[in-house]
Amino acid sequence: MKNSFQIFKSDNKTFHWDLNNFLLLLFLFVGFISILEINIISKIATTIAKCIFLFIFILAIVNIFRKKPLNGVLDGTIIFNQDNIILNDNIITLQEIKKIFLHANDYDGKTGVIIRVSLFPRISNGTNNLLDIELKNGEK
C-alpha cells in the first residue's frame, strides 16, 4: 500500500484582492456617487452602477463553475506506507506515533452547496484537509 499526497502550505492571508472584491468596492463607490445631488455625475454613476450590477450577476452565475484559487503553495509530499509515513524526507515509523488526527473530507473538484448567491468560486481545490501526527516523544 503506497499513497502519496502533496502538502499544501497556506499563505496565511485573510484577505486576497481579486475581481470580486474590486467589483464590490467599485459598485459601492459608484453607488455613493450616484446619491450625490450633482445631476450629470449622478446619471453617469447610476448607469455605471447598473452595468456593474449586471456584470456582478453574470459573475455570480459563472462562479458556480469556477475553482477556488490556491492561496498558497504545494510544497512537499507525504507518503503513507504499511509500516511508516514519509513526510518529505523524514521517515516516521508506526512505533514512534502516539496519535494521528486526520480530517480529510475535501477533494479537488468538490462542489459547494448552492444555497445563496456568492461572488466567490464554488468548486474546491481540495486543500481543506488536516493531518496532525503526535509522536511518543511529544513532537508534533
C-alpha atoms as a PDB file:
ATOM      1  CA  MET A   1       0.000   0.000   0.000  1.00  0.00           C
ATOM      2  CA  LYS A   2       1.552   3.287  -1.086  1.00  0.00           C
ATOM      3  CA  ASN A   3      -0.474   6.507  -1.057  1.00  0.00           C
ATOM      4  CA  SER A   4       1.238   9.792  -1.876  1.00  0.00           C
ATOM      5  CA  PHE A   5      -0.190  13.284  -1.375  1.00  0.00           C
ATOM      6  CA  GLN A   6       1.165  16.797  -1.862  1.00  0.00           C
ATOM      7  CA  ILE A   7       1.486  19.055   1.189  1.00  0.00           C
ATOM      8  CA  PHE A   8      -0.321  22.408   0.949  1.00  0.00           C
ATOM      9  CA  LYS A   9       1.104  25.411   2.798  1.00  0.00           C
ATOM     10  CA  SER A  10      -1.252  28.375   3.086  1.00  0.00           C
ATOM     11  CA  ASP A  11      -0.005  31.925   2.612  1.00  0.00           C
ATOM     12  CA  ASN A  12      -1.952  32.795   5.841  1.00  0.00           C
ATOM     13  CA  LYS A  13      -3.515  35.923   4.359  1.00  0.00           C
ATOM     14  CA  THR A  14      -7.079  36.564   5.481  1.00  0.00           C
ATOM     15  CA  PHE A  15      -7.861  38.851   2.537  1.00  0.00           C
ATOM     16  CA  HIS A  16      -6.947  38.465  -1.129  1.00  0.00           C
ATOM     17  CA  TRP A  17      -7.609  41.082  -3.774  1.00  0.00           C
ATOM     18  CA  ASP A  18      -9.448  39.606  -6.726  1.00  0.00           C
ATOM     19  CA  LEU A  19     -12.004  40.682  -9.317  1.00  0.00           C
ATOM     20  CA  ASN A  20     -14.918  40.031  -6.938  1.00  0.00           C
ATOM     21  CA  ASN A  21     -13.602  42.340  -4.215  1.00  0.00           C
ATOM     22  CA  PHE A  22     -12.675  45.033  -6.736  1.00  0.00           C
ATOM     23  CA  LEU A  23     -16.151  44.979  -8.324  1.00  0.00           C
ATOM     24  CA  LEU A  24     -17.889  45.190  -4.961  1.00  0.00           C
ATOM     25  CA  LEU A  25     -15.740  48.137  -3.926  1.00  0.00           C
ATOM     26  CA  LEU A  26     -16.334  49.863  -7.283  1.00  0.00           C
ATOM     27  CA  PHE A  27     -20.073  49.198  -7.022  1.00  0.00           C
ATOM     28  CA  LEU A  28     -20.188  50.786  -3.554  1.00  0.00           C
ATOM     29  CA  PHE A  29     -18.141  53.784  -4.703  1.00  0.00           C
ATOM     30  CA  VAL A  30     -20.301  54.392  -7.775  1.00  0.00           C
ATOM     31  CA  GLY A  31     -23.449  53.877  -5.687  1.00  0.00           C
ATOM     32  CA  PHE A  32     -22.236  56.540  -3.266  1.00  0.00           C
ATOM     33  CA  ILE A  33     -21.532  58.973  -6.115  1.00  0.00           C
ATOM     34  CA  SER A  34     -24.973  58.311  -7.626  1.00  0.00           C
ATOM     35  CA  ILE A  35     -26.734  59.571  -4.488  1.00  0.00           C
ATOM     36  CA  LEU A  36     -24.989  62.933  -4.752  1.00  0.00           C
ATOM     37  CA  GLU A  37     -27.129  65.824  -5.978  1.00  0.00           C
ATOM     38  CA  ILE A  38     -24.903  66.672  -8.984  1.00  0.00           C
ATOM     39  CA  ASN A  39     -27.264  65.819 -11.838  1.00  0.00           C
ATOM     40  CA  ILE A  40     -24.943  64.768 -14.702  1.00  0.00           C
ATOM     41  CA  ILE A  41     -22.494  62.885 -12.447  1.00  0.00           C
ATOM     42  CA  SER A  42     -25.396  61.145 -10.725  1.00  0.00           C
ATOM     43  CA  LYS A  43     -26.812  59.945 -14.077  1.00  0.00           C
ATOM     44  CA  ILE A  44     -23.426  58.665 -15.246  1.00  0.00           C
ATOM     45  CA  ALA A  45     -22.785  56.945 -11.910  1.00  0.00           C
ATOM     46  CA  THR A  46     -26.236  55.319 -11.976  1.00  0.00           C
ATOM     47  CA  THR A  47     -25.585  53.959 -15.487  1.00  0.00           C
ATOM     48  CA  ILE A  48     -22.181  52.630 -14.437  1.00  0.00           C
ATOM     49  CA  ALA A  49     -23.721  51.077 -11.297  1.00  0.00           C
ATOM     50  CA  LYS A  50     -26.329  49.280 -13.421  1.00  0.00           C
ATOM     51  CA  CYS A  51     -23.597  47.908 -15.711  1.00  0.00           C
ATOM     52  CA  ILE A  52     -21.537  46.754 -12.715  1.00  0.00           C
ATOM     53  CA  PHE A  53     -24.613  45.131 -11.146  1.00  0.00           C
ATOM     54  CA  LEU A  54     -25.276  43.233 -14.385  1.00  0.00           C
ATOM     55  CA  PHE A  55     -21.634  42.133 -14.527  1.00  0.00           C
ATOM     56  CA  ILE A  56     -21.776  41.017 -10.860  1.00  0.00           C
ATOM     57  CA  PHE A  57     -24.924  38.990 -11.623  1.00  0.00           C
ATOM     58  CA  ILE A  58     -23.183  37.265 -14.549  1.00  0.00           C
ATOM     59  CA  LEU A  59     -20.075  36.710 -12.412  1.00  0.00           C
ATOM     60  CA  ALA A  60     -22.181  35.071  -9.678  1.00  0.00           C
ATOM     61  CA  ILE A  61     -23.517  32.576 -12.221  1.00  0.00           C
ATOM     62  CA  VAL A  62     -20.085  31.917 -13.755  1.00  0.00           C
ATOM     63  CA  ASN A  63     -18.508  31.362 -10.304  1.00  0.00           C
ATOM     64  CA  ILE A  64     -20.737  28.327  -9.784  1.00  0.00           C
ATOM     65  CA  PHE A  65     -18.436  26.578 -12.279  1.00  0.00           C
ATOM     66  CA  ARG A  66     -15.080  28.138 -11.242  1.00  0.00           C
ATOM     67  CA  LYS A  67     -12.456  26.560  -8.960  1.00  0.00           C
ATOM     68  CA  LYS A  68     -11.294  28.388  -5.823  1.00  0.00           C
ATOM     69  CA  PRO A  69      -7.776  29.876  -6.044  1.00  0.00           C
ATOM     70  CA  LEU A  70      -4.983  28.034  -4.244  1.00  0.00           C
ATOM     71  CA  ASN A  71      -3.804  30.952  -1.998  1.00  0.00           C
ATOM     72  CA  GLY A  72      -0.646  29.111  -1.027  1.00  0.00           C
ATOM     73  CA  VAL A  73       1.821  26.587  -2.435  1.00  0.00           C
ATOM     74  CA  LEU A  74       2.051  22.819  -2.776  1.00  0.00           C
ATOM     75  CA  ASP A  75       5.348  22.152  -1.039  1.00  0.00           C
ATOM     76  CA  GLY A  76       6.457  18.640  -0.219  1.00  0.00           C
ATOM     77  CA  THR A  77       4.977  15.167  -0.234  1.00  0.00           C
ATOM     78  CA  ILE A  78       3.551  12.819   2.367  1.00  0.00           C
ATOM     79  CA  ILE A  79       3.588   9.085   1.644  1.00  0.00           C
ATOM     80  CA  PHE A  80       1.635   6.520   3.673  1.00  0.00           C
ATOM     81  CA  ASN A  81       3.177   3.034   3.669  1.00  0.00           C
ATOM     82  CA  GLN A  82       2.131  -0.057   5.620  1.00  0.00           C
ATOM     83  CA  ASP A  83       4.847   0.344   8.259  1.00  0.00           C
ATOM     84  CA  ASN A  84       5.785   4.045   8.100  1.00  0.00           C
ATOM     85  CA  ILE A  85       4.874   7.555   6.998  1.00  0.00           C
ATOM     86  CA  ILE A  86       7.334   9.565   4.918  1.00  0.00           C
ATOM     87  CA  LEU A  87       6.977  13.320   5.393  1.00  0.00           C
ATOM     88  CA  ASN A  88       9.206  14.955   2.782  1.00  0.00           C
ATOM     89  CA  ASP A  89      12.486  13.148   3.643  1.00  0.00           C
ATOM     90  CA  ASN A  90      11.599  12.256   7.262  1.00  0.00           C
ATOM     91  CA  ILE A  91      10.617   8.633   7.855  1.00  0.00           C
ATOM     92  CA  ILE A  92       8.252   8.133  10.797  1.00  0.00           C
ATOM     93  CA  THR A  93       7.695   4.522  11.829  1.00  0.00           C
ATOM     94  CA  LEU A  94       4.341   3.444  13.234  1.00  0.00           C
ATOM     95  CA  GLN A  95       6.028   2.577  16.549  1.00  0.00           C
ATOM     96  CA  GLU A  96       7.002   6.265  17.002  1.00  0.00           C
ATOM     97  CA  ILE A  97       3.429   7.533  16.590  1.00  0.00           C
ATOM     98  CA  LYS A  98       1.280   8.202  19.655  1.00  0.00           C
ATOM     99  CA  LYS A  99      -1.773   9.725  17.975  1.00  0.00           C
ATOM    100  CA  ILE A 100      -2.963  10.611  14.451  1.00  0.00           C
ATOM    101  CA  PHE A 101      -5.795  13.034  13.687  1.00  0.00           C
ATOM    102  CA  LEU A 102      -6.955  13.066  10.074  1.00  0.00           C
ATOM    103  CA  HIS A 103      -9.702  15.313   8.724  1.00  0.00           C
ATOM    104  CA  ALA A 104      -9.985  14.576   5.008  1.00  0.00           C
ATOM    105  CA  ASN A 105     -13.349  15.448   3.511  1.00  0.00           C
ATOM    106  CA  ASP A 106     -12.183  17.859   0.803  1.00  0.00           C
ATOM    107  CA  TYR A 107     -11.023  16.896  -2.670  1.00  0.00           C
ATOM    108  CA  ASP A 108     -10.153  18.635  -5.933  1.00  0.00           C
ATOM    109  CA  GLY A 109     -13.361  19.347  -7.832  1.00  0.00           C
ATOM    110  CA  LYS A 110     -15.751  19.062  -4.866  1.00  0.00           C
ATOM    111  CA  THR A 111     -18.712  21.351  -5.468  1.00  0.00           C
ATOM    112  CA  GLY A 112     -20.038  23.589  -2.740  1.00  0.00           C
ATOM    113  CA  VAL A 113     -23.683  23.735  -1.777  1.00  0.00           C
ATOM    114  CA  ILE A 114     -25.528  26.380  -3.760  1.00  0.00           C
ATOM    115  CA  ILE A 115     -27.913  27.868  -1.204  1.00  0.00           C
ATOM    116  CA  ARG A 116     -27.301  31.561  -1.809  1.00  0.00           C
ATOM    117  CA  VAL A 117     -25.718  33.728  -4.452  1.00  0.00           C
ATOM    118  CA  SER A 118     -21.980  34.163  -3.989  1.00  0.00           C
ATOM    119  CA  LEU A 119     -19.342  36.050  -5.909  1.00  0.00           C
ATOM    120  CA  PHE A 120     -16.724  33.512  -4.916  1.00  0.00           C
ATOM    121  CA  PRO A 121     -15.933  30.286  -6.803  1.00  0.00           C
ATOM    122  CA  ARG A 122     -17.848  27.193  -5.666  1.00  0.00           C
ATOM    123  CA  ILE A 123     -15.552  24.355  -6.775  1.00  0.00           C
ATOM    124  CA  SER A 124     -12.961  23.289  -4.212  1.00  0.00           C
ATOM    125  CA  ASN A 125      -9.247  22.973  -4.924  1.00  0.00           C
ATOM    126  CA  GLY A 126      -9.005  20.100  -2.407  1.00  0.00           C
ATOM    127  CA  THR A 127      -6.782  21.788   0.184  1.00  0.00           C
ATOM    128  CA  ASN A 128      -9.163  21.996   3.159  1.00  0.00           C
ATOM    129  CA  ASN A 129      -7.846  18.846   4.869  1.00  0.00           C
ATOM    130  CA  LEU A 130      -5.806  18.361   8.045  1.00  0.00           C
ATOM    131  CA  LEU A 131      -3.316  15.759   9.227  1.00  0.00           C
ATOM    132  CA  ASP A 132      -1.954  16.052  12.767  1.00  0.00           C
ATOM    133  CA  ILE A 133       0.629  13.476  13.913  1.00  0.00           C
ATOM    134  CA  GLU A 134       1.764  13.384  17.554  1.00  0.00           C
ATOM    135  CA  LEU A 135       4.838  11.301  18.297  1.00  0.00           C
ATOM    136  CA  LYS A 136       5.566   9.435  21.545  1.00  0.00           C
ATOM    137  CA  ASN A 137       8.409  11.863  22.292  1.00  0.00           C
ATOM    138  CA  GLY A 138       5.888  14.768  22.305  1.00  0.00           C
ATOM    139  CA  GLU A 139       6.861  16.173  18.914  1.00  0.00           C
ATOM    140  CA  LYS A 140       4.085  17.217  16.538  1.00  0.00           C
END
